[in-house]
Amino acid sequence: MRAWLWRMIATLAVLTAVIWLAGPTLLLERLATAQIGWIALAGLLLVLQIWLSALRWQVTAQALGTPVPLGWAVAEYHLSVLGNTLLPGGVLGDLGRAARARGAMGGWRPAAASVVLERLAGQIALLLAGLAGLCWWLGVRHGMPVGLAIGFGSAACSVMLVRFTPRRWRALAYRAWGAQMTVQVGLSAAVLACNLLGVWAAARAVGVVLDPVDALFVIPLTLLAMLVPLTVNGWGVREGLAAGVWPLVGVTATEAVAASVAFGLSAIVAALSGLVPLALRLMGARRDRVQP
């Protein structure tokens, strides 16, 4: 309870500071004129990435020897995203998904392994996209040797990280990804594309048009801020990073914060779609109770 309270306080404090620095009046003007069509498109893209992520979870679970029905996986993933979006820490929804899946998957360990490896695949894809965009921008601004040096340095750090990963987790990762590498890469690329396009559409909603090359630089870095477990679903941290990075490609800090807020609202709308499977599940449970 105390950790939840502190994260809520941190979320409000960081978000308030970022809004104050960006200019609350101009920010509200931007958000007041947001185009609902682009917001709806961003929300639909984020719902699509939930479905694709659920399919990736099903593929991962099947590779680990614990197959689950796709419809059940989609419903559970919706509830997981809802928890991650509305609760502090960004992982409580995943913990709940693993807890609910342990019966169908034969215990805590296989359920937790499938959840962790599925989320890890998405984070690796986002991290690679962020590094690629950063290397490109550094190469253009400071010369290709600088960009290549950052790229090779990141690759070396990744190799060292893999070497120090416990052997058991490396074996699980090989089981989950090795036999289904093409499918895993394809699904992770599709999920990443939905997230990137979701931010791009949210930016268009508030009048910010990003060049595709610039978008590949600033959007992955902005999304990486959501992995920092300081605030609720990255609120405040995401907006602060956008305000600091997007001006490098000609977007003002106010416009960047407005785009990030629009994306955050779209993410909440997409997450609230998780109430549909929850309502259906509760109705089914009630129906079962009243039957003789």
C-alpha atoms as a PDB file:
ATOM      1  CA  MET A   1       0.000   0.000   0.000  1.00  0.00           C
ATOM      2  CA  ARG A   2       2.814   2.392   0.865  1.00  0.00           C
ATOM      3  CA  ALA A   3       4.653   1.648  -2.399  1.00  0.00           C
ATOM      4  CA  TRP A   4       1.427   2.253  -4.338  1.00  0.00           C
ATOM      5  CA  LEU A   5       0.932   5.603  -2.600  1.00  0.00           C
ATOM      6  CA  TRP A   6       4.495   6.736  -3.267  1.00  0.00           C
ATOM      7  CA  ARG A   7       4.229   5.833  -6.959  1.00  0.00           C
ATOM      8  CA  MET A   8       0.985   7.772  -7.236  1.00  0.00           C
ATOM      9  CA  ILE A   9       2.643  10.767  -5.588  1.00  0.00           C
ATOM     10  CA  ALA A  10       5.666  10.414  -7.898  1.00  0.00           C
ATOM     11  CA  THR A  11       3.384  10.199 -10.938  1.00  0.00           C
ATOM     12  CA  LEU A  12       1.484  13.363 -10.020  1.00  0.00           C
ATOM     13  CA  ALA A  13       4.664  15.239  -9.059  1.00  0.00           C
ATOM     14  CA  VAL A  14       6.622  14.383 -12.213  1.00  0.00           C
ATOM     15  CA  LEU A  15       3.657  14.949 -14.518  1.00  0.00           C
ATOM     16  CA  THR A  16       2.820  18.287 -12.885  1.00  0.00           C
ATOM     17  CA  ALA A  17       6.432  19.463 -13.208  1.00  0.00           C
ATOM     18  CA  VAL A  18       6.602  18.477 -16.886  1.00  0.00           C
ATOM     19  CA  ILE A  19       3.278  20.174 -17.682  1.00  0.00           C
ATOM     20  CA  TRP A  20       4.368  23.335 -15.879  1.00  0.00           C
ATOM     21  CA  LEU A  21       7.655  23.449 -17.789  1.00  0.00           C
ATOM     22  CA  ALA A  22       5.926  22.789 -21.115  1.00  0.00           C
ATOM     23  CA  GLY A  23       3.337  25.502 -20.528  1.00  0.00           C
ATOM     24  CA  PRO A  24      -0.075  24.369 -19.252  1.00  0.00           C
ATOM     25  CA  THR A  25      -2.069  26.908 -21.294  1.00  0.00           C
ATOM     26  CA  LEU A  26      -0.519  25.977 -24.627  1.00  0.00           C
ATOM     27  CA  LEU A  27      -0.718  22.302 -23.728  1.00  0.00           C
ATOM     28  CA  LEU A  28      -4.435  22.494 -22.962  1.00  0.00           C
ATOM     29  CA  GLU A  29      -5.017  24.349 -26.237  1.00  0.00           C
ATOM     30  CA  ARG A  30      -3.285  21.537 -28.114  1.00  0.00           C
ATOM     31  CA  LEU A  31      -5.249  18.821 -26.355  1.00  0.00           C
ATOM     32  CA  ALA A  32      -8.558  20.698 -26.703  1.00  0.00           C
ATOM     33  CA  THR A  33      -8.167  20.708 -30.491  1.00  0.00           C
ATOM     34  CA  ALA A  34      -7.117  17.042 -30.708  1.00  0.00           C
ATOM     35  CA  GLN A  35      -8.722  15.171 -33.610  1.00  0.00           C
ATOM     36  CA  ILE A  36     -10.825  12.293 -32.325  1.00  0.00           C
ATOM     37  CA  GLY A  37     -10.270  10.257 -35.471  1.00  0.00           C
ATOM     38  CA  TRP A  38      -6.523  10.033 -34.912  1.00  0.00           C
ATOM     39  CA  ILE A  39      -7.064   9.245 -31.216  1.00  0.00           C
ATOM     40  CA  ALA A  40      -9.432   6.431 -32.212  1.00  0.00           C
ATOM     41  CA  LEU A  41      -6.871   5.102 -34.692  1.00  0.00           C
ATOM     42  CA  ALA A  42      -4.194   5.115 -31.980  1.00  0.00           C
ATOM     43  CA  GLY A  43      -6.541   3.245 -29.645  1.00  0.00           C
ATOM     44  CA  LEU A  44      -7.369   0.633 -32.304  1.00  0.00           C
ATOM     45  CA  LEU A  45      -3.679   0.095 -33.024  1.00  0.00           C
ATOM     46  CA  LEU A  46      -3.021  -0.460 -29.323  1.00  0.00           C
ATOM     47  CA  VAL A  47      -5.913  -2.935 -29.087  1.00  0.00           C
ATOM     48  CA  LEU A  48      -4.434  -4.759 -32.093  1.00  0.00           C
ATOM     49  CA  GLN A  49      -1.067  -4.960 -30.364  1.00  0.00           C
ATOM     50  CA  ILE A  50      -2.805  -6.542 -27.351  1.00  0.00           C
ATOM     51  CA  TRP A  51      -4.229  -9.264 -29.594  1.00  0.00           C
ATOM     52  CA  LEU A  52      -0.871  -9.813 -31.292  1.00  0.00           C
ATOM     53  CA  SER A  53       0.868  -9.941 -27.910  1.00  0.00           C
ATOM     54  CA  ALA A  54      -1.654 -12.532 -26.736  1.00  0.00           C
ATOM     55  CA  LEU A  55      -0.877 -14.605 -29.824  1.00  0.00           C
ATOM     56  CA  ARG A  56       2.839 -14.282 -29.030  1.00  0.00           C
ATOM     57  CA  TRP A  57       2.107 -15.476 -25.482  1.00  0.00           C
ATOM     58  CA  GLN A  58       0.219 -18.468 -26.833  1.00  0.00           C
ATOM     59  CA  VAL A  59       3.111 -19.336 -29.166  1.00  0.00           C
ATOM     60  CA  THR A  60       5.590 -18.983 -26.283  1.00  0.00           C
ATOM     61  CA  ALA A  61       3.497 -21.153 -23.954  1.00  0.00           C
ATOM     62  CA  GLN A  62       3.105 -23.814 -26.621  1.00  0.00           C
ATOM     63  CA  ALA A  63       6.864 -23.903 -27.226  1.00  0.00           C
ATOM     64  CA  LEU A  64       7.344 -24.424 -23.477  1.00  0.00           C
ATOM     65  CA  GLY A  65       4.944 -27.373 -23.528  1.00  0.00           C
ATOM     66  CA  THR A  66       1.947 -25.613 -21.944  1.00  0.00           C
ATOM     67  CA  PRO A  67      -0.505 -24.858 -24.792  1.00  0.00           C
ATOM     68  CA  VAL A  68      -3.438 -22.554 -24.072  1.00  0.00           C
ATOM     69  CA  PRO A  69      -6.498 -21.603 -26.182  1.00  0.00           C
ATOM     70  CA  LEU A  70      -6.111 -18.373 -28.157  1.00  0.00           C
ATOM     71  CA  GLY A  71      -9.412 -16.885 -26.993  1.00  0.00           C
ATOM     72  CA  TRP A  72      -8.488 -17.468 -23.355  1.00  0.00           C
ATOM     73  CA  ALA A  73      -5.027 -15.967 -23.962  1.00  0.00           C
ATOM     74  CA  VAL A  74      -6.551 -12.829 -25.522  1.00  0.00           C
ATOM     75  CA  ALA A  75      -8.955 -12.344 -22.602  1.00  0.00           C
ATOM     76  CA  GLU A  76      -6.180 -12.843 -20.039  1.00  0.00           C
ATOM     77  CA  TYR A  77      -3.857 -10.479 -21.872  1.00  0.00           C
ATOM     78  CA  HIS A  78      -6.533  -7.766 -21.932  1.00  0.00           C
ATOM     79  CA  LEU A  79      -6.888  -8.054 -18.155  1.00  0.00           C
ATOM     80  CA  SER A  80      -3.106  -8.004 -17.791  1.00  0.00           C
ATOM     81  CA  VAL A  81      -2.766  -4.798 -19.813  1.00  0.00           C
ATOM     82  CA  LEU A  82      -5.594  -3.230 -17.821  1.00  0.00           C
ATOM     83  CA  GLY A  83      -3.721  -3.937 -14.576  1.00  0.00           C
ATOM     84  CA  ASN A  84      -0.390  -2.726 -15.944  1.00  0.00           C
ATOM     85  CA  THR A  85      -1.985   0.508 -17.187  1.00  0.00           C
ATOM     86  CA  LEU A  86      -3.957   1.479 -14.110  1.00  0.00           C
ATOM     87  CA  LEU A  87      -1.793   0.078 -11.295  1.00  0.00           C
ATOM     88  CA  PRO A  88       1.677   1.260 -10.186  1.00  0.00           C
ATOM     89  CA  GLY A  89       4.787  -0.663 -11.145  1.00  0.00           C
ATOM     90  CA  GLY A  90       3.720  -1.767 -14.612  1.00  0.00           C
ATOM     91  CA  VAL A  91       3.967  -5.486 -13.771  1.00  0.00           C
ATOM     92  CA  LEU A  92       1.029  -6.172 -11.450  1.00  0.00           C
ATOM     93  CA  GLY A  93      -1.135  -7.097 -14.402  1.00  0.00           C
ATOM     94  CA  ASP A  94       1.475  -9.622 -15.546  1.00  0.00           C
ATOM     95  CA  LEU A  95       1.682 -11.083 -12.048  1.00  0.00           C
ATOM     96  CA  GLY A  96      -2.071 -11.498 -12.036  1.00  0.00           C
ATOM     97  CA  ARG A  97      -1.951 -13.156 -15.455  1.00  0.00           C
ATOM     98  CA  ALA A  98       0.657 -15.637 -14.244  1.00  0.00           C
ATOM     99  CA  ALA A  99      -1.387 -16.327 -11.105  1.00  0.00           C
ATOM    100  CA  ARG A 100      -4.562 -17.010 -13.090  1.00  0.00           C
ATOM    101  CA  ALA A 101      -2.668 -19.110 -15.655  1.00  0.00           C
ATOM    102  CA  ARG A 102      -0.920 -21.388 -13.159  1.00  0.00           C
ATOM    103  CA  GLY A 103      -3.849 -23.809 -13.079  1.00  0.00           C
ATOM    104  CA  ALA A 104      -4.009 -24.170 -16.861  1.00  0.00           C
ATOM    105  CA  MET A 105      -0.221 -24.372 -17.220  1.00  0.00           C
ATOM    106  CA  GLY A 106       0.584 -26.795 -14.433  1.00  0.00           C
ATOM    107  CA  GLY A 107       1.938 -24.490 -11.738  1.00  0.00           C
ATOM    108  CA  TRP A 108       3.638 -21.184 -11.023  1.00  0.00           C
ATOM    109  CA  ARG A 109       6.941 -21.879 -12.784  1.00  0.00           C
ATOM    110  CA  PRO A 110       5.706 -22.626 -16.304  1.00  0.00           C
ATOM    111  CA  ALA A 111       3.115 -19.847 -16.071  1.00  0.00           C
ATOM    112  CA  ALA A 112       5.668 -17.285 -14.857  1.00  0.00           C
ATOM    113  CA  ALA A 113       8.229 -18.419 -17.453  1.00  0.00           C
ATOM    114  CA  SER A 114       5.768 -17.967 -20.321  1.00  0.00           C
ATOM    115  CA  VAL A 115       4.745 -14.502 -19.105  1.00  0.00           C
ATOM    116  CA  VAL A 116       8.313 -13.308 -18.488  1.00  0.00           C
ATOM    117  CA  LEU A 117       9.672 -14.594 -21.801  1.00  0.00           C
ATOM    118  CA  GLU A 118       6.777 -13.128 -23.764  1.00  0.00           C
ATOM    119  CA  ARG A 119       7.232  -9.686 -22.185  1.00  0.00           C
ATOM    120  CA  LEU A 120      10.994  -9.950 -22.605  1.00  0.00           C
ATOM    121  CA  ALA A 121      10.615 -10.546 -26.342  1.00  0.00           C
ATOM    122  CA  GLY A 122       8.680  -7.295 -26.672  1.00  0.00           C
ATOM    123  CA  GLN A 123      11.145  -5.325 -24.584  1.00  0.00           C
ATOM    124  CA  ILE A 124      14.094  -6.635 -26.599  1.00  0.00           C
ATOM    125  CA  ALA A 125      12.369  -5.567 -29.829  1.00  0.00           C
ATOM    126  CA  LEU A 126      11.699  -2.080 -28.425  1.00  0.00           C
ATOM    127  CA  LEU A 127      15.258  -1.769 -27.113  1.00  0.00           C
ATOM    128  CA  LEU A 128      16.726  -2.773 -30.485  1.00  0.00           C
ATOM    129  CA  ALA A 129      14.519  -0.219 -32.224  1.00  0.00           C
ATOM    130  CA  GLY A 130      15.615   2.472 -29.769  1.00  0.00           C
ATOM    131  CA  LEU A 131      19.300   1.635 -30.216  1.00  0.00           C
ATOM    132  CA  ALA A 132      18.954   1.588 -33.999  1.00  0.00           C
ATOM    133  CA  GLY A 133      17.296   5.008 -33.987  1.00  0.00           C
ATOM    134  CA  LEU A 134      19.869   6.436 -31.593  1.00  0.00           C
ATOM    135  CA  CYS A 135      22.787   5.102 -33.645  1.00  0.00           C
ATOM    136  CA  TRP A 136      21.283   6.539 -36.801  1.00  0.00           C
ATOM    137  CA  TRP A 137      20.785   9.976 -35.239  1.00  0.00           C
ATOM    138  CA  LEU A 138      24.286  10.051 -33.766  1.00  0.00           C
ATOM    139  CA  GLY A 139      25.705   8.934 -37.101  1.00  0.00           C
ATOM    140  CA  VAL A 140      23.928  11.725 -38.963  1.00  0.00           C
ATOM    141  CA  ARG A 141      24.802  14.400 -36.400  1.00  0.00           C
ATOM    142  CA  HIS A 142      28.333  13.375 -35.420  1.00  0.00           C
ATOM    143  CA  GLY A 143      29.485  11.043 -38.169  1.00  0.00           C
ATOM    144  CA  MET A 144      28.942   7.373 -38.866  1.00  0.00           C
ATOM    145  CA  PRO A 145      31.944   6.243 -36.736  1.00  0.00           C
ATOM    146  CA  VAL A 146      30.177   7.540 -33.625  1.00  0.00           C
ATOM    147  CA  GLY A 147      26.947   5.736 -34.490  1.00  0.00           C
ATOM    148  CA  LEU A 148      28.798   2.519 -35.307  1.00  0.00           C
ATOM    149  CA  ALA A 149      30.775   2.749 -32.063  1.00  0.00           C
ATOM    150  CA  ILE A 150      27.559   3.020 -30.044  1.00  0.00           C
ATOM    151  CA  GLY A 151      26.094   0.104 -31.978  1.00  0.00           C
ATOM    152  CA  PHE A 152      29.100  -2.179 -31.473  1.00  0.00           C
ATOM    153  CA  GLY A 153      29.348  -1.172 -27.817  1.00  0.00           C
ATOM    154  CA  SER A 154      25.687  -2.040 -27.268  1.00  0.00           C
ATOM    155  CA  ALA A 155      26.180  -5.385 -29.017  1.00  0.00           C
ATOM    156  CA  ALA A 156      29.154  -6.196 -26.783  1.00  0.00           C
ATOM    157  CA  CYS A 157      27.150  -5.335 -23.656  1.00  0.00           C
ATOM    158  CA  SER A 158      24.318  -7.574 -24.885  1.00  0.00           C
ATOM    159  CA  VAL A 159      26.697 -10.500 -25.362  1.00  0.00           C
ATOM    160  CA  MET A 160      28.078 -10.042 -21.848  1.00  0.00           C
ATOM    161  CA  LEU A 161      24.542  -9.851 -20.444  1.00  0.00           C
ATOM    162  CA  VAL A 162      23.622 -13.126 -22.138  1.00  0.00           C
ATOM    163  CA  ARG A 163      26.749 -14.805 -20.790  1.00  0.00           C
ATOM    164  CA  PHE A 164      25.863 -13.846 -17.218  1.00  0.00           C
ATOM    165  CA  THR A 165      22.231 -14.945 -17.565  1.00  0.00           C
ATOM    166  CA  PRO A 166      21.540 -18.146 -15.561  1.00  0.00           C
ATOM    167  CA  ARG A 167      21.777 -21.278 -17.685  1.00  0.00           C
ATOM    168  CA  ARG A 168      18.229 -22.315 -16.825  1.00  0.00           C
ATOM    169  CA  TRP A 169      16.767 -19.107 -18.252  1.00  0.00           C
ATOM    170  CA  ARG A 170      18.934 -19.373 -21.352  1.00  0.00           C
ATOM    171  CA  ALA A 171      17.595 -22.894 -21.904  1.00  0.00           C
ATOM    172  CA  LEU A 172      14.011 -21.686 -21.452  1.00  0.00           C
ATOM    173  CA  ALA A 173      14.588 -18.807 -23.869  1.00  0.00           C
ATOM    174  CA  TYR A 174      15.995 -21.215 -26.444  1.00  0.00           C
ATOM    175  CA  ARG A 175      12.954 -23.485 -26.055  1.00  0.00           C
ATOM    176  CA  ALA A 176      10.543 -20.561 -26.345  1.00  0.00           C
ATOM    177  CA  TRP A 177      12.231 -18.706 -29.191  1.00  0.00           C
ATOM    178  CA  GLY A 178      14.587 -21.112 -30.951  1.00  0.00           C
ATOM    179  CA  ALA A 179      12.090 -23.465 -32.605  1.00  0.00           C
ATOM    180  CA  GLN A 180       9.682 -20.605 -33.405  1.00  0.00           C
ATOM    181  CA  MET A 181      12.216 -17.892 -34.247  1.00  0.00           C
ATOM    182  CA  THR A 182      10.523 -16.722 -37.445  1.00  0.00           C
ATOM    183  CA  VAL A 183       7.101 -16.544 -35.797  1.00  0.00           C
ATOM    184  CA  GLN A 184       8.484 -14.823 -32.693  1.00  0.00           C
ATOM    185  CA  VAL A 185      10.378 -12.212 -34.718  1.00  0.00           C
ATOM    186  CA  GLY A 186       7.361 -11.579 -36.931  1.00  0.00           C
ATOM    187  CA  LEU A 187       4.971 -11.153 -34.006  1.00  0.00           C
ATOM    188  CA  SER A 188       7.403  -8.943 -32.072  1.00  0.00           C
ATOM    189  CA  ALA A 189       7.914  -6.768 -35.162  1.00  0.00           C
ATOM    190  CA  ALA A 190       4.135  -6.477 -35.612  1.00  0.00           C
ATOM    191  CA  VAL A 191       3.584  -5.571 -31.943  1.00  0.00           C
ATOM    192  CA  LEU A 192       6.378  -2.982 -32.133  1.00  0.00           C
ATOM    193  CA  ALA A 193       4.913  -1.498 -35.324  1.00  0.00           C
ATOM    194  CA  CYS A 194       1.491  -1.113 -33.656  1.00  0.00           C
ATOM    195  CA  ASN A 195       3.067   0.715 -30.716  1.00  0.00           C
ATOM    196  CA  LEU A 196       5.160   3.014 -32.923  1.00  0.00           C
ATOM    197  CA  LEU A 197       2.207   3.790 -35.195  1.00  0.00           C
ATOM    198  CA  GLY A 198       0.046   4.355 -32.119  1.00  0.00           C
ATOM    199  CA  VAL A 199       2.367   7.114 -30.910  1.00  0.00           C
ATOM    200  CA  TRP A 200       2.591   8.530 -34.444  1.00  0.00           C
ATOM    201  CA  ALA A 201      -1.228   8.646 -34.721  1.00  0.00           C
ATOM    202  CA  ALA A 202      -1.535  10.256 -31.276  1.00  0.00           C
ATOM    203  CA  ALA A 203       0.977  12.892 -32.373  1.00  0.00           C
ATOM    204  CA  ARG A 204      -1.060  13.555 -35.522  1.00  0.00           C
ATOM    205  CA  ALA A 205      -4.105  14.032 -33.318  1.00  0.00           C
ATOM    206  CA  VAL A 206      -2.526  17.117 -31.729  1.00  0.00           C
ATOM    207  CA  GLY A 207      -1.098  18.429 -34.997  1.00  0.00           C
ATOM    208  CA  VAL A 208       2.428  16.992 -34.811  1.00  0.00           C
ATOM    209  CA  VAL A 209       3.564  15.393 -38.075  1.00  0.00           C
ATOM    210  CA  LEU A 210       6.725  13.334 -37.656  1.00  0.00           C
ATOM    211  CA  ASP A 211       8.912  12.402 -40.585  1.00  0.00           C
ATOM    212  CA  PRO A 212       9.209   8.567 -40.700  1.00  0.00           C
ATOM    213  CA  VAL A 213      12.967   8.684 -40.104  1.00  0.00           C
ATOM    214  CA  ASP A 214      12.597  11.117 -37.196  1.00  0.00           C
ATOM    215  CA  ALA A 215       9.784   8.972 -35.787  1.00  0.00           C
ATOM    216  CA  LEU A 216      12.048   5.916 -35.740  1.00  0.00           C
ATOM    217  CA  PHE A 217      14.477   7.928 -33.613  1.00  0.00           C
ATOM    218  CA  VAL A 218      12.239   9.625 -31.033  1.00  0.00           C
ATOM    219  CA  ILE A 219       9.276   7.251 -30.620  1.00  0.00           C
ATOM    220  CA  PRO A 220      11.155   4.110 -29.433  1.00  0.00           C
ATOM    221  CA  LEU A 221      13.141   6.196 -26.940  1.00  0.00           C
ATOM    222  CA  THR A 222       9.894   7.707 -25.647  1.00  0.00           C
ATOM    223  CA  LEU A 223       8.291   4.288 -25.220  1.00  0.00           C
ATOM    224  CA  LEU A 224      11.352   2.975 -23.383  1.00  0.00           C
ATOM    225  CA  ALA A 225      10.571   5.480 -20.620  1.00  0.00           C
ATOM    226  CA  MET A 226       7.482   3.401 -19.805  1.00  0.00           C
ATOM    227  CA  LEU A 227       9.753   0.580 -18.632  1.00  0.00           C
ATOM    228  CA  VAL A 228      11.010   2.731 -15.734  1.00  0.00           C
ATOM    229  CA  PRO A 229       9.008   1.486 -12.687  1.00  0.00           C
ATOM    230  CA  LEU A 230       8.877   4.910 -11.042  1.00  0.00           C
ATOM    231  CA  THR A 231       5.376   6.069 -11.934  1.00  0.00           C
ATOM    232  CA  VAL A 232       2.068   4.563 -13.070  1.00  0.00           C
ATOM    233  CA  ASN A 233       2.517   3.237 -16.631  1.00  0.00           C
ATOM    234  CA  GLY A 234       5.344   5.707 -17.266  1.00  0.00           C
ATOM    235  CA  TRP A 235       3.198   8.837 -16.866  1.00  0.00           C
ATOM    236  CA  GLY A 236       5.398  11.878 -16.320  1.00  0.00           C
ATOM    237  CA  VAL A 237       8.636  10.087 -17.185  1.00  0.00           C
ATOM    238  CA  ARG A 238       7.392   9.471 -20.730  1.00  0.00           C
ATOM    239  CA  GLU A 239       6.294  13.098 -21.125  1.00  0.00           C
ATOM    240  CA  GLY A 240       9.562  14.403 -19.681  1.00  0.00           C
ATOM    241  CA  LEU A 241      11.643  12.314 -22.065  1.00  0.00           C
ATOM    242  CA  ALA A 242       9.504  13.410 -25.000  1.00  0.00           C
ATOM    243  CA  ALA A 243       9.968  17.052 -24.017  1.00  0.00           C
ATOM    244  CA  GLY A 244      13.740  16.540 -23.958  1.00  0.00           C
ATOM    245  CA  VAL A 245      14.188  14.379 -27.084  1.00  0.00           C
ATOM    246  CA  TRP A 246      11.556  15.489 -29.597  1.00  0.00           C
ATOM    247  CA  PRO A 247      12.927  19.053 -29.915  1.00  0.00           C
ATOM    248  CA  LEU A 248      16.028  17.435 -31.477  1.00  0.00           C
ATOM    249  CA  VAL A 249      13.896  16.757 -34.568  1.00  0.00           C
ATOM    250  CA  GLY A 250      12.170  20.144 -34.634  1.00  0.00           C
ATOM    251  CA  VAL A 251       9.156  19.484 -32.375  1.00  0.00           C
ATOM    252  CA  THR A 252       8.589  21.906 -29.505  1.00  0.00           C
ATOM    253  CA  ALA A 253       8.494  20.626 -25.948  1.00  0.00           C
ATOM    254  CA  THR A 254       4.807  21.569 -25.627  1.00  0.00           C
ATOM    255  CA  GLU A 255       3.925  19.653 -28.783  1.00  0.00           C
ATOM    256  CA  ALA A 256       5.933  16.646 -27.594  1.00  0.00           C
ATOM    257  CA  VAL A 257       4.187  16.574 -24.212  1.00  0.00           C
ATOM    258  CA  ALA A 258       0.791  16.949 -25.894  1.00  0.00           C
ATOM    259  CA  ALA A 259       1.572  14.008 -28.203  1.00  0.00           C
ATOM    260  CA  SER A 260       2.689  11.883 -25.249  1.00  0.00           C
ATOM    261  CA  VAL A 261      -0.425  12.733 -23.226  1.00  0.00           C
ATOM    262  CA  ALA A 262      -2.629  11.910 -26.232  1.00  0.00           C
ATOM    263  CA  PHE A 263      -0.869   8.556 -26.540  1.00  0.00           C
ATOM    264  CA  GLY A 264      -1.312   7.896 -22.815  1.00  0.00           C
ATOM    265  CA  LEU A 265      -5.048   8.590 -23.087  1.00  0.00           C
ATOM    266  CA  SER A 266      -5.267   6.283 -26.110  1.00  0.00           C
ATOM    267  CA  ALA A 267      -3.482   3.581 -24.109  1.00  0.00           C
ATOM    268  CA  ILE A 268      -6.033   3.947 -21.293  1.00  0.00           C
ATOM    269  CA  VAL A 269      -8.891   3.587 -23.786  1.00  0.00           C
ATOM    270  CA  ALA A 270      -7.275   0.449 -25.234  1.00  0.00           C
ATOM    271  CA  ALA A 271      -6.665  -0.960 -21.748  1.00  0.00           C
ATOM    272  CA  LEU A 272     -10.283  -0.352 -20.717  1.00  0.00           C
ATOM    273  CA  SER A 273     -11.302  -2.747 -23.468  1.00  0.00           C
ATOM    274  CA  GLY A 274     -10.078  -5.384 -20.993  1.00  0.00           C
ATOM    275  CA  LEU A 275     -13.293  -4.778 -19.045  1.00  0.00           C
ATOM    276  CA  VAL A 276     -15.195  -6.586 -21.808  1.00  0.00           C
ATOM    277  CA  PRO A 277     -13.673 -10.049 -21.191  1.00  0.00           C
ATOM    278  CA  LEU A 278     -13.891  -9.419 -17.445  1.00  0.00           C
ATOM    279  CA  ALA A 279     -17.595  -8.654 -17.720  1.00  0.00           C
ATOM    280  CA  LEU A 280     -18.175 -11.725 -19.886  1.00  0.00           C
ATOM    281  CA  ARG A 281     -16.295 -13.898 -17.390  1.00  0.00           C
ATOM    282  CA  LEU A 282     -18.326 -12.564 -14.459  1.00  0.00           C
ATOM    283  CA  MET A 283     -21.564 -13.106 -16.365  1.00  0.00           C
ATOM    284  CA  GLY A 284     -20.514 -16.671 -17.155  1.00  0.00           C
ATOM    285  CA  ALA A 285     -19.647 -17.344 -13.513  1.00  0.00           C
ATOM    286  CA  ARG A 286     -23.003 -15.949 -12.401  1.00  0.00           C
ATOM    287  CA  ARG A 287     -24.799 -18.090 -14.968  1.00  0.00           C
ATOM    288  CA  ASP A 288     -23.013 -21.179 -13.673  1.00  0.00           C
ATOM    289  CA  ARG A 289     -24.039 -20.403 -10.100  1.00  0.00           C
ATOM    290  CA  VAL A 290     -27.739 -20.032 -10.882  1.00  0.00           C
ATOM    291  CA  GLN A 291     -27.930 -23.225 -12.929  1.00  0.00           C
ATOM    292  CA  PRO A 292     -29.259 -26.246 -10.935  1.00  0.00           C
END
